[in-house]
Full PDB file with SEQRES, HELIX, SHEET, SSBOND, CRYST1, ORIGX, SCALE, CONECT and MASTER records, all heavy atoms in Angstrom:
SEQRES   1 A   31  HIS ASN LEU LEU THR ASP LYS THR VAL MET ALA HIS GLY          
SEQRES   2 A   31  CYS HIS LEU SER ASP GLU GLU LEU THR VAL PHE ARG GLU          
SEQRES   3 A   31  THR GLY ALA SER LEU                                          
HELIX    1 AA1 ASP A   18  THR A   27  1                                  10    
CRYST1    1.000    1.000    1.000  90.00  90.00  90.00 P 1           1          
ORIGX1      1.000000  0.000000  0.000000        0.00000                         
ORIGX2      0.000000  1.000000  0.000000        0.00000                         
ORIGX3      0.000000  0.000000  1.000000        0.00000                         
SCALE1      1.000000  0.000000  0.000000        0.00000                         
SCALE2      0.000000  1.000000  0.000000        0.00000                         
SCALE3      0.000000  0.000000  1.000000        0.00000                         
ATOM      1  N   HIS A   1     -10.995  -5.019  -1.749  1.00  0.00           N  
ATOM      2  CA  HIS A   1     -11.475  -6.041  -0.774  1.00  0.00           C  
ATOM      3  C   HIS A   1     -11.208  -5.667   0.660  1.00  0.00           C  
ATOM      4  O   HIS A   1     -11.196  -6.542   1.494  1.00  0.00           O  
ATOM      5  CB  HIS A   1     -10.671  -7.304  -1.076  1.00  0.00           C  
ATOM      6  CG  HIS A   1     -11.129  -7.963  -2.423  1.00  0.00           C  
ATOM      7  ND1 HIS A   1     -10.494  -7.714  -3.552  1.00  0.00           N  
ATOM      8  CD2 HIS A   1     -12.166  -8.760  -2.755  1.00  0.00           C  
ATOM      9  CE1 HIS A   1     -11.061  -8.360  -4.648  1.00  0.00           C  
ATOM     10  NE2 HIS A   1     -12.151  -9.020  -4.100  1.00  0.00           N  
ATOM     11  N   ASN A   2     -11.048  -4.352   0.944  1.00  0.00           N  
ATOM     12  CA  ASN A   2     -10.727  -3.772   2.271  1.00  0.00           C  
ATOM     13  C   ASN A   2      -9.556  -4.348   3.042  1.00  0.00           C  
ATOM     14  O   ASN A   2      -9.599  -4.600   4.249  1.00  0.00           O  
ATOM     15  CB  ASN A   2     -12.106  -4.020   3.138  1.00  0.00           C  
ATOM     16  CG  ASN A   2     -13.273  -3.370   2.571  1.00  0.00           C  
ATOM     17  OD1 ASN A   2     -13.131  -2.113   2.232  1.00  0.00           O  
ATOM     18  ND2 ASN A   2     -14.360  -4.002   2.400  1.00  0.00           N  
ATOM     19  N   LEU A   3      -8.483  -4.637   2.135  1.00  0.00           N  
ATOM     20  CA  LEU A   3      -7.317  -5.253   2.801  1.00  0.00           C  
ATOM     21  C   LEU A   3      -6.172  -4.201   2.812  1.00  0.00           C  
ATOM     22  O   LEU A   3      -5.098  -4.617   3.209  1.00  0.00           O  
ATOM     23  CB  LEU A   3      -6.825  -6.399   1.942  1.00  0.00           C  
ATOM     24  CG  LEU A   3      -7.818  -7.706   2.005  1.00  0.00           C  
ATOM     25  CD1 LEU A   3      -7.597  -8.681   0.927  1.00  0.00           C  
ATOM     26  CD2 LEU A   3      -7.634  -8.374   3.457  1.00  0.00           C  
ATOM     27  N   LEU A   4      -6.424  -3.007   2.584  1.00  0.00           N  
ATOM     28  CA  LEU A   4      -5.368  -1.932   2.660  1.00  0.00           C  
ATOM     29  C   LEU A   4      -5.759  -0.983   3.854  1.00  0.00           C  
ATOM     30  O   LEU A   4      -6.695  -0.221   3.615  1.00  0.00           O  
ATOM     31  CB  LEU A   4      -5.225  -1.073   1.449  1.00  0.00           C  
ATOM     32  CG  LEU A   4      -4.480  -1.899   0.245  1.00  0.00           C  
ATOM     33  CD1 LEU A   4      -4.283  -0.850  -0.851  1.00  0.00           C  
ATOM     34  CD2 LEU A   4      -3.086  -2.446   0.633  1.00  0.00           C  
ATOM     35  N   THR A   5      -5.201  -1.080   4.984  1.00  0.00           N  
ATOM     36  CA  THR A   5      -5.602  -0.297   6.157  1.00  0.00           C  
ATOM     37  C   THR A   5      -4.204   0.198   6.759  1.00  0.00           C  
ATOM     38  O   THR A   5      -3.183  -0.266   6.436  1.00  0.00           O  
ATOM     39  CB  THR A   5      -6.361  -1.080   7.209  1.00  0.00           C  
ATOM     40  OG1 THR A   5      -5.523  -2.028   7.981  1.00  0.00           O  
ATOM     41  CG2 THR A   5      -7.478  -1.905   6.542  1.00  0.00           C  
ATOM     42  N   ASP A   6      -4.387   0.863   7.884  1.00  0.00           N  
ATOM     43  CA  ASP A   6      -3.196   1.433   8.567  1.00  0.00           C  
ATOM     44  C   ASP A   6      -2.582   0.373   9.364  1.00  0.00           C  
ATOM     45  O   ASP A   6      -1.597   0.503  10.058  1.00  0.00           O  
ATOM     46  CB  ASP A   6      -3.507   2.592   9.352  1.00  0.00           C  
ATOM     47  CG  ASP A   6      -4.588   2.399  10.446  1.00  0.00           C  
ATOM     48  OD1 ASP A   6      -4.969   1.243  10.535  1.00  0.00           O  
ATOM     49  OD2 ASP A   6      -4.785   3.455  11.130  1.00  0.00           O  
ATOM     50  N   LYS A   7      -3.065  -0.957   9.253  1.00  0.00           N  
ATOM     51  CA  LYS A   7      -2.435  -2.100  10.010  1.00  0.00           C  
ATOM     52  C   LYS A   7      -2.111  -3.227   8.917  1.00  0.00           C  
ATOM     53  O   LYS A   7      -1.905  -4.325   9.233  1.00  0.00           O  
ATOM     54  CB  LYS A   7      -3.454  -2.652  11.066  1.00  0.00           C  
ATOM     55  CG  LYS A   7      -3.660  -1.624  12.078  1.00  0.00           C  
ATOM     56  CD  LYS A   7      -4.606  -2.237  13.194  1.00  0.00           C  
ATOM     57  CE  LYS A   7      -3.943  -3.256  14.119  1.00  0.00           C  
ATOM     58  NZ  LYS A   7      -4.963  -3.601  15.192  1.00  0.00           N  
ATOM     59  N   THR A   8      -1.954  -2.728   7.612  1.00  0.00           N  
ATOM     60  CA  THR A   8      -1.562  -3.608   6.669  1.00  0.00           C  
ATOM     61  C   THR A   8      -0.023  -3.534   6.353  1.00  0.00           C  
ATOM     62  O   THR A   8       0.482  -2.360   6.117  1.00  0.00           O  
ATOM     63  CB  THR A   8      -2.417  -3.361   5.300  1.00  0.00           C  
ATOM     64  OG1 THR A   8      -3.693  -3.617   5.540  1.00  0.00           O  
ATOM     65  CG2 THR A   8      -1.802  -4.207   4.217  1.00  0.00           C  
ATOM     66  N   VAL A   9       0.551  -4.666   6.087  1.00  0.00           N  
ATOM     67  CA  VAL A   9       1.968  -4.595   5.559  1.00  0.00           C  
ATOM     68  C   VAL A   9       2.070  -5.543   4.412  1.00  0.00           C  
ATOM     69  O   VAL A   9       1.605  -6.759   4.526  1.00  0.00           O  
ATOM     70  CB  VAL A   9       3.009  -4.989   6.674  1.00  0.00           C  
ATOM     71  CG1 VAL A   9       2.780  -6.409   7.324  1.00  0.00           C  
ATOM     72  CG2 VAL A   9       4.446  -4.979   6.162  1.00  0.00           C  
ATOM     73  N   MET A  10       2.511  -5.017   3.242  1.00  0.00           N  
ATOM     74  CA  MET A  10       2.623  -5.829   2.072  1.00  0.00           C  
ATOM     75  C   MET A  10       4.082  -6.053   1.627  1.00  0.00           C  
ATOM     76  O   MET A  10       4.845  -4.981   1.736  1.00  0.00           O  
ATOM     77  CB  MET A  10       1.820  -5.080   0.972  1.00  0.00           C  
ATOM     78  CG  MET A  10       0.356  -5.004   0.927  1.00  0.00           C  
ATOM     79  SD  MET A  10      -0.282  -6.623   0.510  1.00  0.00           S  
ATOM     80  CE  MET A  10      -2.060  -6.434   0.939  1.00  0.00           C  
ATOM     81  N   ALA A  11       4.499  -7.234   1.444  1.00  0.00           N  
ATOM     82  CA  ALA A  11       5.826  -7.560   1.123  1.00  0.00           C  
ATOM     83  C   ALA A  11       6.119  -7.180  -0.296  1.00  0.00           C  
ATOM     84  O   ALA A  11       5.355  -7.492  -1.198  1.00  0.00           O  
ATOM     85  CB  ALA A  11       6.115  -8.953   1.422  1.00  0.00           C  
ATOM     86  N   HIS A  12       7.361  -6.651  -0.537  1.00  0.00           N  
ATOM     87  CA  HIS A  12       8.062  -6.539  -1.812  1.00  0.00           C  
ATOM     88  C   HIS A  12       7.588  -5.146  -2.443  1.00  0.00           C  
ATOM     89  O   HIS A  12       8.373  -4.215  -2.310  1.00  0.00           O  
ATOM     90  CB  HIS A  12       7.802  -7.664  -2.779  1.00  0.00           C  
ATOM     91  CG  HIS A  12       8.285  -8.921  -2.194  1.00  0.00           C  
ATOM     92  ND1 HIS A  12       9.610  -9.228  -1.934  1.00  0.00           N  
ATOM     93  CD2 HIS A  12       7.596 -10.094  -1.744  1.00  0.00           C  
ATOM     94  CE1 HIS A  12       9.680 -10.393  -1.335  1.00  0.00           C  
ATOM     95  NE2 HIS A  12       8.496 -10.858  -1.168  1.00  0.00           N  
ATOM     96  N   GLY A  13       6.634  -5.131  -3.300  1.00  0.00           N  
ATOM     97  CA  GLY A  13       6.280  -3.918  -3.991  1.00  0.00           C  
ATOM     98  C   GLY A  13       7.275  -3.404  -5.045  1.00  0.00           C  
ATOM     99  O   GLY A  13       7.283  -2.156  -5.353  1.00  0.00           O  
ATOM    100  N   CYS A  14       7.972  -4.255  -5.508  1.00  0.00           N  
ATOM    101  CA  CYS A  14       9.107  -3.858  -6.473  1.00  0.00           C  
ATOM    102  C   CYS A  14       8.602  -3.042  -7.607  1.00  0.00           C  
ATOM    103  O   CYS A  14       9.379  -2.280  -8.247  1.00  0.00           O  
ATOM    104  CB  CYS A  14       9.843  -5.098  -6.939  1.00  0.00           C  
ATOM    105  SG  CYS A  14      10.689  -6.019  -5.606  1.00  0.00           S  
ATOM    106  N   HIS A  15       7.402  -3.470  -8.051  1.00  0.00           N  
ATOM    107  CA  HIS A  15       6.921  -2.919  -9.344  1.00  0.00           C  
ATOM    108  C   HIS A  15       5.638  -2.086  -9.270  1.00  0.00           C  
ATOM    109  O   HIS A  15       4.768  -2.041 -10.183  1.00  0.00           O  
ATOM    110  CB  HIS A  15       6.666  -4.130 -10.311  1.00  0.00           C  
ATOM    111  CG  HIS A  15       7.838  -4.989 -10.535  1.00  0.00           C  
ATOM    112  ND1 HIS A  15       8.940  -4.625 -11.127  1.00  0.00           N  
ATOM    113  CD2 HIS A  15       8.233  -6.128  -9.976  1.00  0.00           C  
ATOM    114  CE1 HIS A  15       9.902  -5.604 -11.173  1.00  0.00           C  
ATOM    115  NE2 HIS A  15       9.430  -6.546 -10.444  1.00  0.00           N  
ATOM    116  N   LEU A  16       5.543  -1.466  -8.118  1.00  0.00           N  
ATOM    117  CA  LEU A  16       4.336  -0.517  -7.819  1.00  0.00           C  
ATOM    118  C   LEU A  16       4.598   0.787  -8.618  1.00  0.00           C  
ATOM    119  O   LEU A  16       5.647   1.284  -8.612  1.00  0.00           O  
ATOM    120  CB  LEU A  16       4.274  -0.335  -6.330  1.00  0.00           C  
ATOM    121  CG  LEU A  16       3.741  -1.447  -5.498  1.00  0.00           C  
ATOM    122  CD1 LEU A  16       3.869  -0.966  -4.013  1.00  0.00           C  
ATOM    123  CD2 LEU A  16       2.421  -1.901  -5.880  1.00  0.00           C  
ATOM    124  N   SER A  17       3.457   1.332  -9.055  1.00  0.00           N  
ATOM    125  CA  SER A  17       3.556   2.519  -9.760  1.00  0.00           C  
ATOM    126  C   SER A  17       3.465   3.604  -8.778  1.00  0.00           C  
ATOM    127  O   SER A  17       3.052   3.513  -7.576  1.00  0.00           O  
ATOM    128  CB  SER A  17       2.333   2.720 -10.689  1.00  0.00           C  
ATOM    129  OG  SER A  17       1.086   2.779 -10.064  1.00  0.00           O  
ATOM    130  N   ASP A  18       3.684   4.895  -9.127  1.00  0.00           N  
ATOM    131  CA  ASP A  18       3.596   6.090  -8.223  1.00  0.00           C  
ATOM    132  C   ASP A  18       2.100   6.186  -7.793  1.00  0.00           C  
ATOM    133  O   ASP A  18       1.987   6.555  -6.627  1.00  0.00           O  
ATOM    134  CB  ASP A  18       4.039   7.323  -8.913  1.00  0.00           C  
ATOM    135  CG  ASP A  18       5.633   7.299  -9.057  1.00  0.00           C  
ATOM    136  OD1 ASP A  18       6.230   6.592  -8.455  1.00  0.00           O  
ATOM    137  OD2 ASP A  18       6.080   8.236  -9.812  1.00  0.00           O  
ATOM    138  N   GLU A  19       1.210   5.893  -8.724  1.00  0.00           N  
ATOM    139  CA  GLU A  19      -0.190   5.956  -8.246  1.00  0.00           C  
ATOM    140  C   GLU A  19      -0.487   5.061  -7.214  1.00  0.00           C  
ATOM    141  O   GLU A  19      -1.326   5.287  -6.331  1.00  0.00           O  
ATOM    142  CB  GLU A  19      -1.070   5.849  -9.523  1.00  0.00           C  
ATOM    143  CG  GLU A  19      -1.046   6.795 -10.578  1.00  0.00           C  
ATOM    144  CD  GLU A  19       0.209   6.831 -11.546  1.00  0.00           C  
ATOM    145  OE1 GLU A  19       0.888   5.756 -11.422  1.00  0.00           O  
ATOM    146  OE2 GLU A  19       0.458   7.791 -12.194  1.00  0.00           O  
ATOM    147  N   GLU A  20      -0.043   3.918  -7.295  1.00  0.00           N  
ATOM    148  CA  GLU A  20      -0.295   2.805  -6.211  1.00  0.00           C  
ATOM    149  C   GLU A  20       0.409   3.222  -4.977  1.00  0.00           C  
ATOM    150  O   GLU A  20      -0.173   3.005  -3.829  1.00  0.00           O  
ATOM    151  CB  GLU A  20       0.326   1.527  -6.774  1.00  0.00           C  
ATOM    152  CG  GLU A  20      -0.488   0.860  -7.867  1.00  0.00           C  
ATOM    153  CD  GLU A  20       0.048  -0.493  -8.341  1.00  0.00           C  
ATOM    154  OE1 GLU A  20       1.079  -0.420  -9.283  1.00  0.00           O  
ATOM    155  OE2 GLU A  20      -0.384  -1.587  -7.984  1.00  0.00           O  
ATOM    156  N   LEU A  21       1.632   3.792  -5.109  1.00  0.00           N  
ATOM    157  CA  LEU A  21       2.144   4.208  -3.746  1.00  0.00           C  
ATOM    158  C   LEU A  21       1.357   5.293  -3.143  1.00  0.00           C  
ATOM    159  O   LEU A  21       1.416   5.397  -1.840  1.00  0.00           O  
ATOM    160  CB  LEU A  21       3.630   4.710  -4.095  1.00  0.00           C  
ATOM    161  CG  LEU A  21       4.665   3.681  -4.386  1.00  0.00           C  
ATOM    162  CD1 LEU A  21       5.911   4.285  -4.855  1.00  0.00           C  
ATOM    163  CD2 LEU A  21       4.875   2.772  -3.259  1.00  0.00           C  
ATOM    164  N   THR A  22       0.748   6.191  -3.928  1.00  0.00           N  
ATOM    165  CA  THR A  22      -0.113   7.122  -3.344  1.00  0.00           C  
ATOM    166  C   THR A  22      -1.290   6.491  -2.629  1.00  0.00           C  
ATOM    167  O   THR A  22      -1.721   7.065  -1.491  1.00  0.00           O  
ATOM    168  CB  THR A  22      -0.752   8.106  -4.427  1.00  0.00           C  
ATOM    169  OG1 THR A  22       0.443   8.756  -5.092  1.00  0.00           O  
ATOM    170  CG2 THR A  22      -1.675   9.154  -4.002  1.00  0.00           C  
ATOM    171  N   VAL A  23      -1.782   5.436  -3.115  1.00  0.00           N  
ATOM    172  CA  VAL A  23      -2.960   4.653  -2.424  1.00  0.00           C  
ATOM    173  C   VAL A  23      -2.440   4.217  -1.070  1.00  0.00           C  
ATOM    174  O   VAL A  23      -3.110   4.192  -0.075  1.00  0.00           O  
ATOM    175  CB  VAL A  23      -3.471   3.597  -3.313  1.00  0.00           C  
ATOM    176  CG1 VAL A  23      -4.471   2.797  -2.559  1.00  0.00           C  
ATOM    177  CG2 VAL A  23      -4.171   4.203  -4.646  1.00  0.00           C  
ATOM    178  N   PHE A  24      -1.227   3.630  -1.098  1.00  0.00           N  
ATOM    179  CA  PHE A  24      -0.655   3.136   0.155  1.00  0.00           C  
ATOM    180  C   PHE A  24      -0.568   4.196   1.153  1.00  0.00           C  
ATOM    181  O   PHE A  24      -0.920   4.082   2.336  1.00  0.00           O  
ATOM    182  CB  PHE A  24       0.823   2.605  -0.109  1.00  0.00           C  
ATOM    183  CG  PHE A  24       0.764   1.126  -0.356  1.00  0.00           C  
ATOM    184  CD1 PHE A  24       0.420   0.596  -1.616  1.00  0.00           C  
ATOM    185  CD2 PHE A  24       1.382   0.296   0.503  1.00  0.00           C  
ATOM    186  CE1 PHE A  24       0.364  -0.762  -1.950  1.00  0.00           C  
ATOM    187  CE2 PHE A  24       1.372  -1.097   0.335  1.00  0.00           C  
ATOM    188  CZ  PHE A  24       0.774  -1.639  -0.883  1.00  0.00           C  
ATOM    189  N   ARG A  25      -0.077   5.471   0.714  1.00  0.00           N  
ATOM    190  CA  ARG A  25      -0.012   6.556   1.666  1.00  0.00           C  
ATOM    191  C   ARG A  25      -1.344   6.963   2.164  1.00  0.00           C  
ATOM    192  O   ARG A  25      -1.600   7.125   3.358  1.00  0.00           O  
ATOM    193  CB  ARG A  25       0.647   7.702   1.048  1.00  0.00           C  
ATOM    194  CG  ARG A  25       0.900   8.949   2.026  1.00  0.00           C  
ATOM    195  CD  ARG A  25       1.511  10.110   1.412  1.00  0.00           C  
ATOM    196  NE  ARG A  25       0.585  10.757   0.419  1.00  0.00           N  
ATOM    197  CZ  ARG A  25       0.776  10.890  -0.761  1.00  0.00           C  
ATOM    198  NH1 ARG A  25       1.803  10.454  -1.382  1.00  0.00           N  
ATOM    199  NH2 ARG A  25      -0.147  11.641  -1.549  1.00  0.00           N  
ATOM    200  N   GLU A  26      -2.314   7.066   1.371  1.00  0.00           N  
ATOM    201  CA  GLU A  26      -3.683   7.520   1.713  1.00  0.00           C  
ATOM    202  C   GLU A  26      -4.358   6.533   2.583  1.00  0.00           C  
ATOM    203  O   GLU A  26      -5.108   6.933   3.502  1.00  0.00           O  
ATOM    204  CB  GLU A  26      -4.527   7.689   0.430  1.00  0.00           C  
ATOM    205  CG  GLU A  26      -4.080   8.873  -0.401  1.00  0.00           C  
ATOM    206  CD  GLU A  26      -4.789   8.954  -1.736  1.00  0.00           C  
ATOM    207  OE1 GLU A  26      -5.492   8.081  -2.064  1.00  0.00           O  
ATOM    208  OE2 GLU A  26      -4.650  10.095  -2.426  1.00  0.00           O  
ATOM    209  N   THR A  27      -4.001   5.196   2.390  1.00  0.00           N  
ATOM    210  CA  THR A  27      -4.790   4.123   3.341  1.00  0.00           C  
ATOM    211  C   THR A  27      -3.996   3.872   4.569  1.00  0.00           C  
ATOM    212  O   THR A  27      -4.531   3.289   5.594  1.00  0.00           O  
ATOM    213  CB  THR A  27      -4.931   2.780   2.562  1.00  0.00           C  
ATOM    214  OG1 THR A  27      -3.558   2.453   2.083  1.00  0.00           O  
ATOM    215  CG2 THR A  27      -5.914   3.053   1.266  1.00  0.00           C  
ATOM    216  N   GLY A  28      -2.656   4.320   4.613  1.00  0.00           N  
ATOM    217  CA  GLY A  28      -1.957   4.066   5.754  1.00  0.00           C  
ATOM    218  C   GLY A  28      -1.195   2.710   5.725  1.00  0.00           C  
ATOM    219  O   GLY A  28      -0.510   2.325   6.604  1.00  0.00           O  
ATOM    220  N   ALA A  29      -1.414   2.014   4.576  1.00  0.00           N  
ATOM    221  CA  ALA A  29      -0.676   0.707   4.470  1.00  0.00           C  
ATOM    222  C   ALA A  29       0.777   0.817   4.288  1.00  0.00           C  
ATOM    223  O   ALA A  29       1.268   1.901   3.862  1.00  0.00           O  
ATOM    224  CB  ALA A  29      -1.306  -0.066   3.304  1.00  0.00           C  
ATOM    225  N   SER A  30       1.535  -0.169   4.667  1.00  0.00           N  
ATOM    226  CA  SER A  30       2.988  -0.102   4.598  1.00  0.00           C  
ATOM    227  C   SER A  30       3.492  -1.248   3.697  1.00  0.00           C  
ATOM    228  O   SER A  30       2.890  -2.154   3.366  1.00  0.00           O  
ATOM    229  CB  SER A  30       3.635  -0.281   5.990  1.00  0.00           C  
ATOM    230  OG  SER A  30       3.262  -1.563   6.517  1.00  0.00           O  
ATOM    231  N   LEU A  31       4.912  -1.019   3.360  1.00  0.00           N  
ATOM    232  CA  LEU A  31       5.604  -2.054   2.583  1.00  0.00           C  
ATOM    233  C   LEU A  31       6.671  -2.586   3.424  1.00  0.00           C  
ATOM    234  O   LEU A  31       7.275  -1.955   4.296  1.00  0.00           O  
ATOM    235  CB  LEU A  31       6.195  -1.403   1.436  1.00  0.00           C  
ATOM    236  CG  LEU A  31       5.227  -1.016   0.155  1.00  0.00           C  
ATOM    237  CD1 LEU A  31       5.957  -0.248  -0.947  1.00  0.00           C  
ATOM    238  CD2 LEU A  31       4.655  -2.314  -0.402  1.00  0.00           C  
TER     239      LEU A  31                                                      
MASTER        0    0    0    1    0    0    0    6  238    1    0    3          
END                                                                             
């Protein structure tokens, strides 16, 4: 839904997988 950008901050992320963290890095999104 185009909600992961380099100006996105998502709270918590306690149960993210390594694959999901890779997506965060690639999109520039933060936790």
